[in-house]
Protein backbone atom coordinates (compact mmCIF):
# COMPACT_ATOMS: atom_id res chain seq x y z
CA MET A 1 -16.02 -0.84 -16.69
CA LYS A 2 -14.39 -3.69 -18.58
CA LYS A 3 -15.31 -7.28 -17.73
CA GLU A 4 -11.65 -7.99 -17.01
CA TYR A 5 -11.58 -5.24 -14.41
CA TRP A 6 -14.57 -6.71 -12.58
CA ILE A 7 -12.78 -10.06 -12.50
CA VAL A 8 -9.66 -8.38 -11.11
CA LEU A 9 -11.74 -6.79 -8.33
CA ILE A 10 -13.28 -10.16 -7.48
CA VAL A 11 -9.84 -11.79 -7.35
CA TYR A 12 -8.51 -9.01 -5.10
CA ILE A 13 -11.47 -9.20 -2.71
CA ALA A 14 -11.20 -13.00 -2.62
CA MET A 15 -7.52 -12.67 -1.75
CA GLN A 16 -8.31 -10.28 1.11
CA LEU A 17 -10.95 -12.64 2.52
CA SER A 18 -9.03 -15.86 1.86
CA SER A 19 -7.17 -15.73 5.18
CA PHE A 20 -10.32 -16.86 7.02
CA ALA A 21 -10.00 -20.27 5.36
CA GLY A 22 -6.38 -20.24 4.25
CA ILE A 23 -4.66 -19.62 7.58
CA PRO A 24 -6.53 -22.41 9.45
CA ALA A 25 -5.76 -24.76 6.56
CA PHE A 26 -2.08 -23.85 6.61
CA MET A 27 -2.06 -24.15 10.40
CA PHE A 28 -3.33 -27.74 10.09
CA GLY A 29 -0.69 -28.53 7.47
CA PHE A 30 2.14 -27.02 9.50
CA ARG A 31 1.08 -29.04 12.55
CA LEU A 32 0.84 -32.18 10.45
CA PHE A 33 4.39 -31.82 9.14
CA GLY A 34 5.81 -30.41 12.38
CA TRP A 35 6.78 -27.08 10.85
CA ARG A 36 7.14 -23.88 12.90
CA GLN A 37 3.66 -22.43 13.34
CA GLU A 38 4.86 -18.81 13.62
CA PHE A 39 5.54 -19.01 9.88
CA VAL A 40 1.91 -19.77 9.03
CA VAL A 41 0.79 -16.15 8.55
CA PRO A 42 3.78 -14.93 6.48
CA VAL A 43 3.75 -18.04 4.30
CA TRP A 44 0.02 -17.65 3.71
CA LEU A 45 0.46 -13.96 2.86
CA ILE A 46 3.16 -14.76 0.32
CA THR A 47 1.08 -17.58 -1.16
CA SER A 48 -2.21 -15.67 -1.44
CA PHE A 49 -0.70 -12.41 -2.71
CA THR A 50 1.54 -14.15 -5.23
CA LEU A 51 -1.32 -16.29 -6.53
CA ALA A 52 -3.62 -13.25 -6.87
CA PHE A 53 -0.82 -11.30 -8.55
CA LEU A 54 -0.23 -14.04 -11.14
CA ILE A 55 -3.96 -14.41 -11.83
CA ILE A 56 -4.36 -10.66 -12.31
CA LEU A 57 -1.36 -10.55 -14.65
CA VAL A 58 -2.99 -13.25 -16.76
CA ILE A 59 -6.31 -11.38 -16.79
CA LEU A 60 -4.61 -8.13 -17.89
CA ARG A 61 -2.12 -9.78 -20.26
CA LYS A 62 -3.69 -8.19 -23.36
CA GLU A 63 -3.16 -4.68 -21.99
CA MET A 64 0.49 -5.45 -21.26
CA LYS A 65 1.33 -6.44 -24.84
CA PRO A 66 3.67 -4.02 -26.66
CA GLY A 67 1.69 -1.58 -28.76
CA VAL A 68 -1.58 -2.35 -26.98
CA HIS A 69 -2.52 0.35 -24.48
CA SER A 70 -5.78 1.60 -23.08
CA GLU A 71 -3.96 4.76 -21.97
CA ARG A 72 -2.21 7.47 -23.94
CA ASN A 73 1.25 7.25 -22.52
CA THR A 74 3.47 10.29 -22.06
CA SER A 75 7.17 10.22 -22.91
CA ILE A 76 9.42 7.83 -21.01
CA GLY A 77 11.62 10.69 -19.78
CA HIS A 78 8.61 12.58 -18.41
CA SER A 79 7.38 9.44 -16.67
CA ILE A 80 10.78 8.68 -15.10
CA LYS A 81 10.98 12.23 -13.77
CA TRP A 82 7.56 11.98 -12.13
CA ALA A 83 8.23 8.45 -10.86
CA ILE A 84 11.27 9.67 -8.92
CA LEU A 85 9.57 12.88 -7.81
CA GLY A 86 6.53 10.85 -6.85
CA VAL A 87 8.45 9.00 -4.14
CA PHE A 88 9.19 12.28 -2.38
CA LEU A 89 5.66 13.58 -2.97
CA ALA A 90 4.22 10.45 -1.34
CA LEU A 91 6.58 10.70 1.64
CA PHE A 92 5.77 14.41 2.02
CA ALA A 93 2.02 13.73 1.85
CA GLN A 94 2.35 11.00 4.46
CA TYR A 95 4.46 13.22 6.75
CA THR A 96 2.10 16.20 6.42
CA ALA A 97 -0.95 14.04 7.13
CA ALA A 98 0.80 12.54 10.17
CA ILE A 99 1.46 16.03 11.57
CA ILE A 100 -2.19 17.00 11.10
CA GLU A 101 -3.34 13.79 12.79
CA ARG A 102 -1.01 14.50 15.69
CA LEU A 103 -2.38 18.04 16.05
CA ILE A 104 -5.95 16.76 16.29
CA GLY A 105 -5.00 14.21 18.93
CA ILE A 106 -4.42 11.01 16.99
CA GLU A 107 -1.46 9.02 18.30
CA LEU A 108 1.54 8.49 16.05
CA GLY A 109 2.33 5.00 14.84
CA SER A 110 0.48 2.43 12.79
CA LYS A 111 -0.61 -0.95 14.13
CA ASN A 112 -0.70 -2.20 10.57
CA THR A 113 2.93 -1.16 10.00
CA GLN A 114 4.04 -2.70 13.29
CA GLU A 115 2.33 -5.99 12.44
CA ILE A 116 4.03 -5.96 9.04
CA LEU A 117 7.43 -5.34 10.62
CA THR A 118 6.83 -8.18 13.09
CA ILE A 119 6.03 -10.53 10.22
CA ILE A 120 9.11 -9.43 8.26
CA ASN A 121 11.37 -9.86 11.29
CA ALA A 122 10.07 -13.41 11.71
CA PHE A 123 10.08 -14.21 7.98
CA PRO A 124 12.18 -11.71 5.91
CA LEU A 125 10.89 -13.07 2.58
CA ALA A 126 7.53 -11.46 3.44
CA ILE A 127 9.04 -8.13 2.37
CA LEU A 128 8.27 -9.23 -1.20
CA VAL A 129 4.57 -8.90 -0.36
CA THR A 130 4.68 -5.70 1.70
CA SER A 131 7.08 -3.81 -0.53
CA ILE A 132 6.52 -5.15 -4.04
CA ILE A 133 3.52 -7.39 -4.74
CA GLY A 134 1.13 -5.59 -2.37
CA PRO A 135 1.76 -2.07 -3.73
CA ILE A 136 1.54 -3.29 -7.34
CA LEU A 137 -1.85 -4.91 -6.67
CA GLU A 138 -3.10 -1.82 -4.83
CA GLU A 139 -2.17 0.50 -7.68
CA ILE A 140 -3.84 -1.74 -10.24
CA VAL A 141 -7.01 -2.03 -8.14
CA PHE A 142 -7.35 1.41 -6.53
CA ARG A 143 -5.79 3.67 -9.14
CA LYS A 144 -6.09 1.97 -12.53
CA ILE A 145 -9.49 0.36 -11.96
CA ILE A 146 -11.43 2.16 -9.20
CA PHE A 147 -10.03 5.67 -9.67
CA GLY A 148 -9.98 5.19 -13.45
CA ALA A 149 -13.65 4.20 -13.52
CA PHE A 150 -14.76 7.24 -11.50
CA TYR A 151 -12.44 9.59 -13.39
CA LYS A 152 -14.35 8.84 -16.58
CA ARG A 153 -17.49 10.30 -14.99
CA PHE A 154 -16.31 12.82 -12.38
CA ASN A 155 -13.52 15.33 -11.87
CA PHE A 156 -10.15 14.48 -10.34
CA PHE A 157 -11.00 15.53 -6.77
CA ILE A 158 -14.17 13.44 -6.46
CA SER A 159 -12.58 10.43 -8.18
CA ALA A 160 -9.42 10.61 -6.07
CA LEU A 161 -11.45 11.16 -2.88
CA ILE A 162 -13.64 8.07 -3.40
CA SER A 163 -10.79 5.77 -4.43
CA SER A 164 -8.49 7.08 -1.67
CA VAL A 165 -11.06 6.61 1.08
CA VAL A 166 -11.73 3.05 -0.09
CA PHE A 167 -7.95 2.52 -0.23
CA ALA A 168 -7.68 3.81 3.35
CA LEU A 169 -10.55 1.71 4.72
CA VAL A 170 -9.10 -1.49 3.24
CA HIS A 171 -6.07 -1.03 5.51
CA MET A 172 -8.40 -1.39 8.54
CA GLU A 173 -7.05 1.67 10.34
CA PRO A 174 -9.88 4.25 10.24
CA GLU A 175 -8.00 6.45 12.73
CA HIS A 176 -5.35 6.99 10.04
CA LEU A 177 -7.84 7.73 7.27
CA LEU A 178 -6.09 11.02 6.52
CA ILE A 179 -2.65 9.45 6.02
CA TYR A 180 -3.84 6.72 3.65
CA SER A 181 -6.09 9.15 1.78
CA ALA A 182 -3.21 11.60 1.34
CA MET A 183 -1.11 8.86 -0.22
CA GLY A 184 -4.05 7.79 -2.37
CA PHE A 185 -4.43 11.34 -3.70
CA THR A 186 -0.71 11.48 -4.47
CA PHE A 187 -0.70 8.22 -6.42
CA ALA A 188 -3.86 9.24 -8.30
CA PHE A 189 -2.20 12.54 -9.22
CA LEU A 190 0.86 10.69 -10.56
CA TYR A 191 -1.39 8.41 -12.61
CA VAL A 192 -3.27 11.32 -14.18
CA LYS A 193 -0.11 13.37 -14.69
CA THR A 194 1.73 10.66 -16.62
CA LYS A 195 -1.09 8.36 -17.79
CA ARG A 196 1.17 5.42 -16.88
CA ILE A 197 0.18 3.12 -14.02
CA LEU A 198 3.85 2.15 -13.70
CA VAL A 199 4.62 5.61 -12.30
CA PRO A 200 2.46 5.37 -9.13
CA ILE A 201 3.50 1.72 -8.85
CA PHE A 202 7.18 2.77 -8.75
CA ALA A 203 6.46 5.51 -6.19
CA HIS A 204 4.36 3.19 -4.01
CA VAL A 205 6.87 0.33 -4.11
CA SER A 206 9.78 2.68 -3.36
CA MET A 207 7.98 4.38 -0.48
CA ASN A 208 6.92 1.10 1.15
CA THR A 209 10.42 -0.32 0.78
CA MET A 210 12.02 2.78 2.31
CA VAL A 211 9.59 2.83 5.24
CA VAL A 212 10.09 -0.88 5.98
CA LEU A 213 13.88 -0.69 5.72
CA VAL A 214 14.17 2.48 7.82
CA GLN A 215 11.86 1.20 10.54
CA SER A 216 13.59 -2.20 10.59
CA VAL A 217 17.18 -0.95 10.60
CA TYR A 218 16.65 2.13 12.79
CA LYS A 219 13.86 0.77 14.97
CA ASP A 220 15.65 1.44 18.29
CA ASP A 221 16.67 4.97 17.26
CA ILE A 222 13.13 5.82 16.14
CA GLU A 223 11.65 4.58 19.42
CA ARG A 224 14.21 6.63 21.37
CA LEU A 225 13.45 9.78 19.37
CA MET A 226 9.70 9.30 19.88
CA ARG A 227 10.20 8.93 23.65
CA GLU A 228 12.33 12.09 23.71
CA ALA A 229 9.76 13.99 21.64
CA GLU A 230 6.99 12.91 24.05
CA ALA A 231 9.11 13.98 27.03
CA VAL A 232 9.70 17.42 25.50
CA GLN A 233 6.01 17.78 24.67
CA ASN A 234 5.01 16.87 28.24
CA PHE A 235 7.62 19.27 29.63
CA ILE A 236 6.35 22.15 27.49
CA GLY A 237 2.76 21.21 28.28
CA GLY A 238 3.51 21.66 31.98
CA PHE A 239 4.04 25.37 31.45
CA LEU A 240 0.88 25.93 29.38
């Protein structure tokens, strides 16, 4: 693996661990200036993710120059088609995995998603991290670097499995391993199919944005439908 890729991984890991020092430091600063302390976490997220994003862009600047590619790119039209189709593939994979989890007794809903929505409701600018910067970083790290490194040595299934499981575990919700892994497989497939990292990036960004917007705008309706679905399930269960 390239030296630059190792540096990118170090920067990404440092960003993930930086909250242990960054949030207390920001908390002290907010108290010192009398700012609202409920903004500490979202402001830190925006700061740390943006800083990591800029550093990684600088590290990978040579690969982003026109005419300099480490990948054999397919046609633009082919990539656009798969980028759009990829959004629906990712949503379908997520939905199918959620159904399977429900069938094996795992409760619906993600604590991670709910925490994200809470942060966005308190500080709407945080959507830049959850819907744009975060997905871009994840595709660079988990698909381009981690999946790409394994794909040079193993077949697609093994490479996608390893990178997807790591991708799932990073989200700190082991109970939803299947959902995150299903999405990871989908994004890896898009990357291999088009040989353009921009394609899974587009699908990932679009999917996250849609999920956040839908759950924010239609939050009350979704909660009502889930309560009704539970009531129907309990009613049917009474006869079995």
